[in-house]
């Protein structure tokens, strides 16, 4: 599986931590870092979200994890793209349901709200949870139609 990882400057520290965590704990996944590369230089989260979402839509990535300070801005930016289902999650139930019920292909995290340890747990759950389809399939199709 190919997974993109990106952040603005506020999410830089957590992104770097998660990059190393994912490389160590998910050796069968290809992890691509889309930046940013510093906390010192302000980076606009819409630019990172756009770059990563385009890679999913062009099938160069299967999923992505995006991080900003709150997680809100980067999730709004990601959800502007038809075919992207970005879920902002801060707890284990939310992250599990985002995959099972919504087939989220982008996980958004807020660096200011979760610890490194919690973010690792959320990543484990998100990457190991499959979409249930069934009764949820119709709703996911409707979500994609809304953004047409």
N, C-alpha and C. Protein backbone atom coordinates (compact mmCIF):
# COMPACT_ATOMS: atom_id res chain seq x y z
N UNK A 1 0.84 -1.17 0.00
CA UNK A 1 0.00 0.00 0.00
C UNK A 1 0.89 1.24 0.00
N UNK A 2 0.49 2.24 -0.78
CA UNK A 2 1.22 3.50 -0.88
C UNK A 2 0.48 4.56 -0.07
N UNK A 3 1.18 5.15 0.88
CA UNK A 3 0.56 6.12 1.78
C UNK A 3 1.35 7.42 1.75
N UNK A 4 0.64 8.52 1.55
CA UNK A 4 1.25 9.83 1.59
C UNK A 4 1.13 10.42 2.99
N UNK A 5 2.09 11.23 3.35
CA UNK A 5 2.11 11.87 4.65
C UNK A 5 2.52 13.32 4.44
N UNK A 6 1.67 14.25 4.91
CA UNK A 6 1.99 15.66 4.71
C UNK A 6 1.47 16.52 5.85
N UNK A 7 2.10 17.68 6.00
CA UNK A 7 1.68 18.60 7.07
C UNK A 7 2.05 20.02 6.70
N UNK A 8 1.44 20.94 7.42
CA UNK A 8 1.93 22.31 7.40
C UNK A 8 2.97 22.44 8.51
N UNK A 9 3.44 23.66 8.76
CA UNK A 9 4.48 23.87 9.77
C UNK A 9 4.01 23.50 11.18
N UNK A 10 2.72 23.68 11.47
CA UNK A 10 2.20 23.36 12.81
C UNK A 10 2.16 21.86 13.06
N UNK A 11 2.09 21.06 12.01
CA UNK A 11 2.06 19.62 12.14
C UNK A 11 3.38 18.94 11.86
N UNK A 12 4.41 19.73 11.62
CA UNK A 12 5.73 19.22 11.23
C UNK A 12 6.29 18.18 12.20
N UNK A 13 6.29 18.49 13.47
CA UNK A 13 6.89 17.59 14.46
C UNK A 13 6.15 16.24 14.50
N UNK A 14 4.83 16.27 14.52
CA UNK A 14 4.06 15.03 14.54
C UNK A 14 4.24 14.25 13.24
N UNK A 15 4.28 14.96 12.11
CA UNK A 15 4.48 14.27 10.82
C UNK A 15 5.80 13.52 10.81
N UNK A 16 6.85 14.16 11.26
CA UNK A 16 8.15 13.48 11.28
C UNK A 16 8.14 12.28 12.20
N UNK A 17 7.51 12.42 13.35
CA UNK A 17 7.40 11.28 14.27
C UNK A 17 6.65 10.13 13.59
N UNK A 18 5.54 10.44 12.96
CA UNK A 18 4.73 9.39 12.33
C UNK A 18 5.42 8.77 11.13
N UNK A 19 6.19 9.55 10.40
CA UNK A 19 6.94 8.99 9.28
C UNK A 19 7.87 7.89 9.79
N UNK A 20 8.64 8.17 10.82
CA UNK A 20 9.56 7.17 11.39
C UNK A 20 8.80 6.00 11.98
N UNK A 21 7.69 6.27 12.66
CA UNK A 21 6.86 5.21 13.23
C UNK A 21 6.34 4.28 12.13
N UNK A 22 5.84 4.85 11.05
CA UNK A 22 5.26 4.04 9.98
C UNK A 22 6.33 3.24 9.24
N UNK A 23 7.48 3.83 9.00
CA UNK A 23 8.58 3.10 8.35
C UNK A 23 8.95 1.88 9.19
N UNK A 24 9.01 2.05 10.49
CA UNK A 24 9.42 0.97 11.40
C UNK A 24 8.34 -0.09 11.59
N UNK A 25 7.07 0.33 11.60
CA UNK A 25 5.99 -0.58 11.98
C UNK A 25 5.15 -1.11 10.81
N UNK A 26 5.31 -0.54 9.65
CA UNK A 26 4.55 -0.98 8.47
C UNK A 26 5.51 -1.17 7.29
N UNK A 27 6.41 -2.16 7.40
CA UNK A 27 7.44 -2.33 6.38
C UNK A 27 6.90 -2.71 5.00
N UNK A 28 5.68 -3.21 4.93
CA UNK A 28 5.10 -3.58 3.63
C UNK A 28 4.40 -2.41 2.96
N UNK A 29 4.39 -1.26 3.59
CA UNK A 29 3.77 -0.06 3.03
C UNK A 29 4.87 0.87 2.52
N UNK A 30 4.57 1.55 1.44
CA UNK A 30 5.47 2.59 0.94
C UNK A 30 4.97 3.93 1.48
N UNK A 31 5.82 4.61 2.23
CA UNK A 31 5.45 5.88 2.83
C UNK A 31 6.17 7.00 2.10
N UNK A 32 5.40 7.96 1.59
CA UNK A 32 5.99 9.10 0.89
C UNK A 32 5.72 10.37 1.67
N UNK A 33 6.78 11.07 2.00
CA UNK A 33 6.71 12.32 2.76
C UNK A 33 6.56 13.49 1.80
N UNK A 34 5.47 14.24 1.95
CA UNK A 34 5.20 15.40 1.09
C UNK A 34 5.54 16.72 1.77
N UNK A 35 6.25 16.66 2.89
CA UNK A 35 6.59 17.88 3.61
C UNK A 35 5.45 18.30 4.52
N UNK A 36 5.67 19.34 5.18
CA UNK A 36 6.70 20.33 5.04
C UNK A 36 7.99 19.86 5.71
N UNK A 37 9.01 20.65 5.57
CA UNK A 37 10.33 20.23 6.03
C UNK A 37 10.91 21.09 7.14
N UNK A 38 10.07 21.91 7.77
CA UNK A 38 10.56 22.78 8.84
C UNK A 38 9.39 23.37 9.60
N UNK A 39 9.60 23.66 10.87
CA UNK A 39 8.63 24.39 11.67
C UNK A 39 8.81 25.89 11.52
N UNK A 40 9.96 26.28 11.09
CA UNK A 40 10.33 27.70 11.08
C UNK A 40 9.69 28.49 9.94
N UNK A 41 9.36 27.83 8.85
CA UNK A 41 8.80 28.52 7.69
C UNK A 41 7.31 28.18 7.59
N UNK A 42 6.49 29.20 7.53
CA UNK A 42 5.04 29.01 7.43
C UNK A 42 4.68 28.38 6.09
N UNK A 43 3.96 27.28 6.15
CA UNK A 43 3.51 26.55 4.95
C UNK A 43 1.99 26.52 4.97
N UNK A 44 1.36 26.83 3.87
CA UNK A 44 -0.09 26.85 3.78
C UNK A 44 -0.64 25.44 3.62
N UNK A 45 -1.47 25.02 4.57
CA UNK A 45 -2.01 23.65 4.53
C UNK A 45 -2.82 23.34 3.28
N UNK A 46 -3.52 24.31 2.64
CA UNK A 46 -4.22 23.95 1.40
C UNK A 46 -3.27 23.46 0.31
N UNK A 47 -2.05 23.99 0.28
CA UNK A 47 -1.09 23.55 -0.74
C UNK A 47 -0.67 22.10 -0.52
N UNK A 48 -0.40 21.75 0.73
CA UNK A 48 -0.02 20.36 1.05
C UNK A 48 -1.19 19.42 0.77
N UNK A 49 -2.39 19.79 1.22
CA UNK A 49 -3.57 18.95 1.00
C UNK A 49 -3.81 18.74 -0.50
N UNK A 50 -3.69 19.79 -1.27
CA UNK A 50 -3.91 19.69 -2.71
C UNK A 50 -2.93 18.72 -3.36
N UNK A 51 -1.66 18.88 -3.04
CA UNK A 51 -0.63 18.02 -3.62
C UNK A 51 -0.89 16.55 -3.29
N UNK A 52 -1.18 16.26 -2.03
CA UNK A 52 -1.39 14.87 -1.60
C UNK A 52 -2.68 14.30 -2.20
N UNK A 53 -3.75 15.07 -2.18
CA UNK A 53 -5.02 14.58 -2.73
C UNK A 53 -4.94 14.31 -4.23
N UNK A 54 -4.21 15.14 -4.94
CA UNK A 54 -4.01 14.90 -6.38
C UNK A 54 -3.31 13.56 -6.60
N UNK A 55 -2.37 13.24 -5.75
CA UNK A 55 -1.66 11.96 -5.87
C UNK A 55 -2.61 10.78 -5.64
N UNK A 56 -3.56 10.91 -4.73
CA UNK A 56 -4.56 9.85 -4.53
C UNK A 56 -5.45 9.75 -5.77
N UNK A 57 -5.92 10.88 -6.23
CA UNK A 57 -6.84 10.88 -7.38
C UNK A 57 -6.18 10.37 -8.66
N UNK A 58 -4.87 10.55 -8.78
CA UNK A 58 -4.14 10.02 -9.93
C UNK A 58 -3.64 8.60 -9.69
N UNK A 59 -4.07 8.01 -8.56
CA UNK A 59 -3.76 6.62 -8.20
C UNK A 59 -2.27 6.37 -7.95
N UNK A 60 -1.55 7.42 -7.58
CA UNK A 60 -0.15 7.27 -7.18
C UNK A 60 -0.03 6.93 -5.69
N UNK A 61 -1.10 7.17 -4.96
CA UNK A 61 -1.21 6.82 -3.54
C UNK A 61 -2.53 6.11 -3.31
N UNK A 62 -2.56 5.24 -2.31
CA UNK A 62 -3.80 4.58 -1.92
C UNK A 62 -4.53 5.38 -0.85
N UNK A 63 -3.78 5.90 0.10
CA UNK A 63 -4.33 6.65 1.22
C UNK A 63 -3.33 7.72 1.63
N UNK A 64 -3.77 8.60 2.54
CA UNK A 64 -2.86 9.63 3.03
C UNK A 64 -3.23 10.03 4.46
N UNK A 65 -2.24 10.60 5.12
CA UNK A 65 -2.42 11.16 6.45
C UNK A 65 -1.94 12.60 6.36
N UNK A 66 -2.82 13.53 6.75
CA UNK A 66 -2.51 14.95 6.70
C UNK A 66 -2.62 15.54 8.10
N UNK A 67 -1.71 16.45 8.41
CA UNK A 67 -1.65 17.01 9.76
C UNK A 67 -1.48 18.52 9.70
N UNK A 68 -2.25 19.21 10.51
CA UNK A 68 -2.01 20.63 10.77
C UNK A 68 -2.20 20.83 12.27
N UNK A 69 -2.20 22.05 12.73
CA UNK A 69 -2.31 22.29 14.16
C UNK A 69 -3.57 21.70 14.76
N UNK A 70 -4.72 22.06 14.21
CA UNK A 70 -5.99 21.56 14.74
C UNK A 70 -6.50 20.35 13.96
N UNK A 71 -6.05 20.20 12.74
CA UNK A 71 -6.58 19.16 11.85
C UNK A 71 -7.78 19.65 11.05
N UNK A 72 -8.38 20.73 11.48
CA UNK A 72 -9.60 21.24 10.84
C UNK A 72 -9.31 21.81 9.46
N UNK A 73 -8.36 22.73 9.37
CA UNK A 73 -8.08 23.37 8.08
C UNK A 73 -7.66 22.39 7.01
N UNK A 74 -6.78 21.48 7.36
CA UNK A 74 -6.29 20.53 6.35
C UNK A 74 -7.38 19.54 5.93
N UNK A 75 -8.31 19.23 6.86
CA UNK A 75 -9.41 18.34 6.48
C UNK A 75 -10.40 19.06 5.57
N UNK A 76 -10.64 20.33 5.83
CA UNK A 76 -11.52 21.11 4.94
C UNK A 76 -10.90 21.19 3.54
N UNK A 77 -9.61 21.48 3.49
CA UNK A 77 -8.92 21.57 2.19
C UNK A 77 -8.99 20.25 1.44
N UNK A 78 -8.73 19.15 2.12
CA UNK A 78 -8.73 17.83 1.46
C UNK A 78 -10.12 17.47 0.94
N UNK A 79 -11.14 17.80 1.68
CA UNK A 79 -12.50 17.43 1.27
C UNK A 79 -13.04 18.27 0.12
N UNK A 80 -12.27 19.19 -0.39
CA UNK A 80 -12.66 19.96 -1.58
C UNK A 80 -12.54 19.15 -2.87
N UNK A 81 -11.88 17.99 -2.78
CA UNK A 81 -11.60 17.20 -3.98
C UNK A 81 -12.58 16.04 -4.11
N UNK A 82 -13.23 15.96 -5.28
CA UNK A 82 -14.15 14.86 -5.55
C UNK A 82 -13.38 13.54 -5.48
N UNK A 83 -13.89 12.61 -4.68
CA UNK A 83 -13.24 11.32 -4.52
C UNK A 83 -12.38 11.23 -3.28
N UNK A 84 -12.19 12.35 -2.61
CA UNK A 84 -11.46 12.35 -1.35
C UNK A 84 -12.47 12.35 -0.21
N UNK A 85 -12.26 11.45 0.72
CA UNK A 85 -13.09 11.37 1.92
C UNK A 85 -12.14 11.49 3.11
N UNK A 86 -11.92 12.73 3.52
CA UNK A 86 -10.97 13.01 4.61
C UNK A 86 -11.72 13.06 5.93
N UNK A 87 -11.20 12.37 6.92
CA UNK A 87 -11.81 12.32 8.24
C UNK A 87 -10.85 12.87 9.27
N UNK A 88 -11.31 13.87 10.01
CA UNK A 88 -10.55 14.41 11.14
C UNK A 88 -10.89 13.57 12.36
N UNK A 89 -9.90 12.90 12.91
CA UNK A 89 -10.14 11.99 14.04
C UNK A 89 -9.16 12.27 15.16
N UNK A 90 -9.69 12.21 16.38
CA UNK A 90 -8.86 12.38 17.57
C UNK A 90 -9.01 11.23 18.55
N UNK A 91 -9.84 10.24 18.20
CA UNK A 91 -10.04 9.11 19.12
C UNK A 91 -10.17 7.81 18.34
N UNK A 92 -10.05 6.70 19.04
CA UNK A 92 -9.99 5.39 18.39
C UNK A 92 -11.31 4.99 17.74
N UNK A 93 -12.43 5.29 18.36
CA UNK A 93 -13.71 4.93 17.75
C UNK A 93 -13.93 5.72 16.47
N UNK A 94 -13.65 7.01 16.49
CA UNK A 94 -13.83 7.82 15.29
C UNK A 94 -12.98 7.34 14.13
N UNK A 95 -11.73 6.98 14.41
CA UNK A 95 -10.85 6.53 13.34
C UNK A 95 -11.31 5.19 12.79
N UNK A 96 -11.78 4.30 13.65
CA UNK A 96 -12.28 2.98 13.21
C UNK A 96 -13.51 3.16 12.32
N UNK A 97 -14.45 3.98 12.77
CA UNK A 97 -15.68 4.18 11.99
C UNK A 97 -15.42 4.94 10.69
N UNK A 98 -14.39 5.79 10.68
CA UNK A 98 -14.08 6.50 9.44
C UNK A 98 -13.71 5.54 8.32
N UNK A 99 -13.11 4.43 8.68
CA UNK A 99 -12.76 3.41 7.69
C UNK A 99 -13.95 2.48 7.43
N UNK A 100 -14.55 1.94 8.51
CA UNK A 100 -15.63 0.96 8.35
C UNK A 100 -16.85 1.54 7.65
N UNK A 101 -17.28 2.73 8.04
CA UNK A 101 -18.53 3.29 7.54
C UNK A 101 -18.36 4.28 6.41
N UNK A 102 -17.24 5.01 6.39
CA UNK A 102 -17.08 6.10 5.42
C UNK A 102 -16.01 5.85 4.38
N UNK A 103 -15.28 4.75 4.50
CA UNK A 103 -14.20 4.44 3.57
C UNK A 103 -13.27 5.63 3.37
N UNK A 104 -12.93 6.28 4.49
CA UNK A 104 -12.04 7.45 4.43
C UNK A 104 -10.72 7.06 3.79
N UNK A 105 -10.29 7.86 2.83
CA UNK A 105 -8.99 7.61 2.20
C UNK A 105 -7.94 8.61 2.65
N UNK A 106 -8.34 9.57 3.47
CA UNK A 106 -7.41 10.50 4.07
C UNK A 106 -7.75 10.64 5.56
N UNK A 107 -6.75 10.44 6.39
CA UNK A 107 -6.90 10.65 7.83
C UNK A 107 -6.25 11.99 8.16
N UNK A 108 -7.00 12.85 8.82
CA UNK A 108 -6.48 14.15 9.24
C UNK A 108 -6.33 14.16 10.76
N UNK A 109 -5.20 14.70 11.19
CA UNK A 109 -4.89 14.75 12.61
C UNK A 109 -4.52 16.18 13.01
N UNK A 110 -4.83 16.51 14.24
CA UNK A 110 -4.47 17.81 14.80
C UNK A 110 -3.36 17.66 15.82
N UNK A 111 -2.19 18.16 15.47
CA UNK A 111 -1.01 18.05 16.34
C UNK A 111 -1.27 18.61 17.74
N UNK A 112 -2.07 19.66 17.85
CA UNK A 112 -2.30 20.31 19.14
C UNK A 112 -3.22 19.50 20.05
N UNK A 113 -3.88 18.48 19.52
CA UNK A 113 -4.90 17.77 20.28
C UNK A 113 -4.57 16.34 20.66
N UNK A 114 -3.56 15.76 20.03
CA UNK A 114 -3.24 14.37 20.34
C UNK A 114 -1.75 14.19 20.59
N UNK A 115 -1.45 13.22 21.41
CA UNK A 115 -0.05 12.91 21.71
C UNK A 115 0.54 12.04 20.60
N UNK A 116 1.84 11.90 20.61
CA UNK A 116 2.49 11.01 19.65
C UNK A 116 2.00 9.58 19.85
N UNK A 117 1.87 9.17 21.10
CA UNK A 117 1.41 7.81 21.39
C UNK A 117 -0.01 7.57 20.86
N UNK A 118 -0.91 8.53 21.08
CA UNK A 118 -2.28 8.39 20.58
C UNK A 118 -2.27 8.39 19.06
N UNK A 119 -1.47 9.21 18.44
CA UNK A 119 -1.43 9.24 16.98
C UNK A 119 -0.96 7.90 16.42
N UNK A 120 -0.02 7.25 17.09
CA UNK A 120 0.43 5.92 16.67
C UNK A 120 -0.72 4.93 16.73
N UNK A 121 -1.49 4.97 17.81
CA UNK A 121 -2.64 4.06 17.94
C UNK A 121 -3.67 4.32 16.86
N UNK A 122 -3.92 5.58 16.57
CA UNK A 122 -4.89 5.92 15.52
C UNK A 122 -4.42 5.41 14.16
N UNK A 123 -3.13 5.53 13.88
CA UNK A 123 -2.58 5.05 12.61
C UNK A 123 -2.72 3.53 12.52
N UNK A 124 -2.40 2.84 13.60
CA UNK A 124 -2.54 1.37 13.60
C UNK A 124 -3.96 0.95 13.27
N UNK A 125 -4.91 1.56 13.94
CA UNK A 125 -6.33 1.22 13.71
C UNK A 125 -6.72 1.57 12.28
N UNK A 126 -6.37 2.76 11.84
CA UNK A 126 -6.80 3.23 10.52
C UNK A 126 -6.26 2.33 9.40
N UNK A 127 -4.99 1.95 9.51
CA UNK A 127 -4.39 1.13 8.46
C UNK A 127 -4.82 -0.34 8.53
N UNK A 128 -5.35 -0.77 9.65
CA UNK A 128 -5.77 -2.17 9.80
C UNK A 128 -7.27 -2.36 9.80
N UNK A 129 -8.02 -1.33 9.45
CA UNK A 129 -9.48 -1.41 9.41
C UNK A 129 -9.95 -1.29 7.97
N UNK A 130 -10.81 -2.21 7.57
CA UNK A 130 -11.33 -2.22 6.21
C UNK A 130 -12.73 -1.60 6.16
N UNK A 131 -13.09 -1.13 4.99
CA UNK A 131 -14.43 -0.64 4.71
C UNK A 131 -15.40 -1.81 4.75
N UNK A 132 -16.51 -1.65 5.46
CA UNK A 132 -17.50 -2.72 5.57
C UNK A 132 -18.38 -2.85 4.33
N UNK A 133 -18.46 -1.81 3.54
CA UNK A 133 -19.32 -1.76 2.34
C UNK A 133 -20.77 -2.01 2.77
N UNK A 134 -21.48 -2.94 2.10
CA UNK A 134 -22.86 -3.22 2.46
C UNK A 134 -23.70 -1.96 2.48
N UNK A 135 -24.41 -1.76 3.60
CA UNK A 135 -25.31 -0.61 3.73
C UNK A 135 -24.59 0.73 3.65
N UNK A 136 -23.28 0.74 3.86
CA UNK A 136 -22.51 1.98 3.83
C UNK A 136 -22.10 2.38 2.41
N UNK A 137 -22.08 1.43 1.51
CA UNK A 137 -21.64 1.67 0.13
C UNK A 137 -22.43 2.80 -0.53
N UNK A 138 -23.75 2.74 -0.40
CA UNK A 138 -24.62 3.75 -1.01
C UNK A 138 -24.29 5.14 -0.49
N UNK A 139 -24.04 5.25 0.79
CA UNK A 139 -23.75 6.55 1.40
C UNK A 139 -22.41 7.10 0.91
N UNK A 140 -21.42 6.24 0.76
CA UNK A 140 -20.13 6.69 0.27
C UNK A 140 -20.26 7.17 -1.17
N UNK A 141 -21.03 6.48 -1.97
CA UNK A 141 -21.29 6.92 -3.34
C UNK A 141 -21.97 8.29 -3.33
N UNK A 142 -22.94 8.48 -2.44
CA UNK A 142 -23.61 9.77 -2.34
C UNK A 142 -22.64 10.88 -1.92
N UNK A 143 -21.71 10.57 -1.03
CA UNK A 143 -20.70 11.56 -0.64
C UNK A 143 -19.90 12.03 -1.85
N UNK A 144 -19.48 11.08 -2.66
CA UNK A 144 -18.68 11.44 -3.83
C UNK A 144 -19.51 12.23 -4.84
N UNK A 145 -20.80 11.94 -4.93
CA UNK A 145 -21.66 12.70 -5.84
C UNK A 145 -21.89 14.13 -5.36
N UNK A 146 -21.90 14.34 -4.04
CA UNK A 146 -22.08 15.68 -3.51
C UNK A 146 -20.99 16.63 -3.94
N UNK A 147 -19.81 16.11 -4.10
CA UNK A 147 -18.69 16.99 -4.45
C UNK A 147 -18.52 17.17 -5.95
N UNK A 148 -19.52 16.73 -6.72
CA UNK A 148 -19.46 16.86 -8.18
C UNK A 148 -19.67 18.29 -8.62
